[in-house]
Amino acid sequence: MLSFFAITFVPLVIFVSLVLPTWLVFHYLTKWKRMKMADLGDGMIAVPREDLEQLRARAKDLAGRLETLERILTTDSPDWRSKS
């Protein structure tokens, strides 16, 4: 009867030496092809359009809030910008 070590070690060696490298190669080849198909410039990342639209909407909301805050601060303390 085989020992516990032999039963677990052999499949682990097979997995680490054959399956894992193949899996990693195909994973990163797929990522590379997606980036290439997106025709991105240097340093850019692929982001789904829905996420980009949500981020753009959030940025507009935050810009509006900032303008409102600046307006309130200017009304309460006109020289607030020069204090910092």
Protein backbone atom coordinates (compact mmCIF):
# COMPACT_ATOMS: atom_id res chain seq x y z
CA MET A 1 0.00 0.00 0.00
CA LEU A 2 1.24 3.43 -0.93
CA SER A 3 1.93 5.95 1.76
CA PHE A 4 0.02 9.19 2.12
CA PHE A 5 3.10 11.08 0.97
CA ALA A 6 3.29 9.17 -2.33
CA ILE A 7 -0.44 9.51 -2.95
CA THR A 8 -0.37 13.30 -2.55
CA PHE A 9 3.13 14.03 -3.85
CA VAL A 10 2.82 12.47 -7.31
CA PRO A 11 -0.37 14.34 -8.35
CA LEU A 12 1.05 17.54 -6.90
CA VAL A 13 4.24 17.21 -8.95
CA ILE A 14 2.25 16.49 -12.09
CA PHE A 15 0.01 19.49 -11.46
CA VAL A 16 2.88 21.88 -10.71
CA SER A 17 5.06 20.70 -13.59
CA LEU A 18 2.44 20.31 -16.35
CA VAL A 19 -0.93 21.80 -15.59
CA LEU A 20 0.03 25.00 -13.76
CA PRO A 21 2.54 26.33 -16.35
CA THR A 22 0.15 25.55 -19.21
CA TRP A 23 -2.69 27.24 -17.37
CA LEU A 24 -0.61 30.35 -16.68
CA VAL A 25 0.63 30.59 -20.27
CA PHE A 26 -2.87 30.39 -21.73
CA HIS A 27 -4.23 32.78 -19.11
CA TYR A 28 -1.70 35.50 -19.95
CA LEU A 29 -1.93 34.85 -23.70
CA THR A 30 -5.66 35.49 -23.45
CA LYS A 31 -5.06 38.68 -21.44
CA TRP A 32 -2.48 39.85 -24.00
CA LYS A 33 -4.84 39.20 -26.90
CA ARG A 34 -7.63 41.14 -25.20
CA MET A 35 -5.32 44.10 -24.63
CA LYS A 36 -4.11 43.91 -28.23
CA MET A 37 -7.65 43.74 -29.60
CA ALA A 38 -8.63 46.77 -27.54
CA ASP A 39 -5.88 48.69 -29.44
CA LEU A 40 -4.74 50.49 -26.34
CA GLY A 41 -1.90 52.94 -26.16
CA ASP A 42 1.12 52.50 -23.95
CA GLY A 43 0.23 52.55 -20.27
CA MET A 44 -3.52 52.30 -20.76
CA ILE A 45 -5.72 49.54 -19.38
CA ALA A 46 -8.84 47.93 -20.76
CA VAL A 47 -11.96 48.94 -18.84
CA PRO A 48 -15.48 47.86 -19.78
CA ARG A 49 -17.54 50.71 -21.24
CA GLU A 50 -20.19 50.44 -18.49
CA ASP A 51 -17.57 50.92 -15.80
CA LEU A 52 -16.11 53.87 -17.66
CA GLU A 53 -19.54 55.50 -17.96
CA GLN A 54 -20.19 54.98 -14.26
CA LEU A 55 -16.84 56.53 -13.38
CA ARG A 56 -17.53 59.48 -15.69
CA ALA A 57 -20.96 60.07 -14.11
CA ARG A 58 -19.46 59.82 -10.62
CA ALA A 59 -16.77 62.36 -11.55
CA LYS A 60 -19.42 64.80 -12.81
CA ASP A 61 -21.38 64.41 -9.57
CA LEU A 62 -18.28 65.02 -7.49
CA ALA A 63 -17.34 68.06 -9.58
CA GLY A 64 -20.82 69.49 -8.96
CA ARG A 65 -20.50 68.89 -5.24
CA LEU A 66 -17.10 70.59 -5.21
CA GLU A 67 -18.48 73.65 -7.00
CA THR A 68 -21.36 73.84 -4.50
CA LEU A 69 -18.96 73.57 -1.58
CA GLU A 70 -16.73 76.31 -3.01
CA ARG A 71 -19.75 78.55 -3.53
CA ILE A 72 -20.85 78.04 0.10
CA LEU A 73 -17.35 78.67 1.40
CA THR A 74 -17.03 81.83 -0.71
CA THR A 75 -20.34 83.10 0.68
CA ASP A 76 -19.39 82.37 4.30
CA SER A 77 -15.74 83.38 4.11
CA PRO A 78 -14.73 85.27 0.94
CA ASP A 79 -10.98 84.97 1.64
CA TRP A 80 -10.96 81.22 2.36
CA ARG A 81 -8.67 80.48 -0.58
CA SER A 82 -5.92 82.77 0.65
CA LYS A 83 -5.97 81.29 4.18
CA SER A 84 -4.39 77.99 3.16
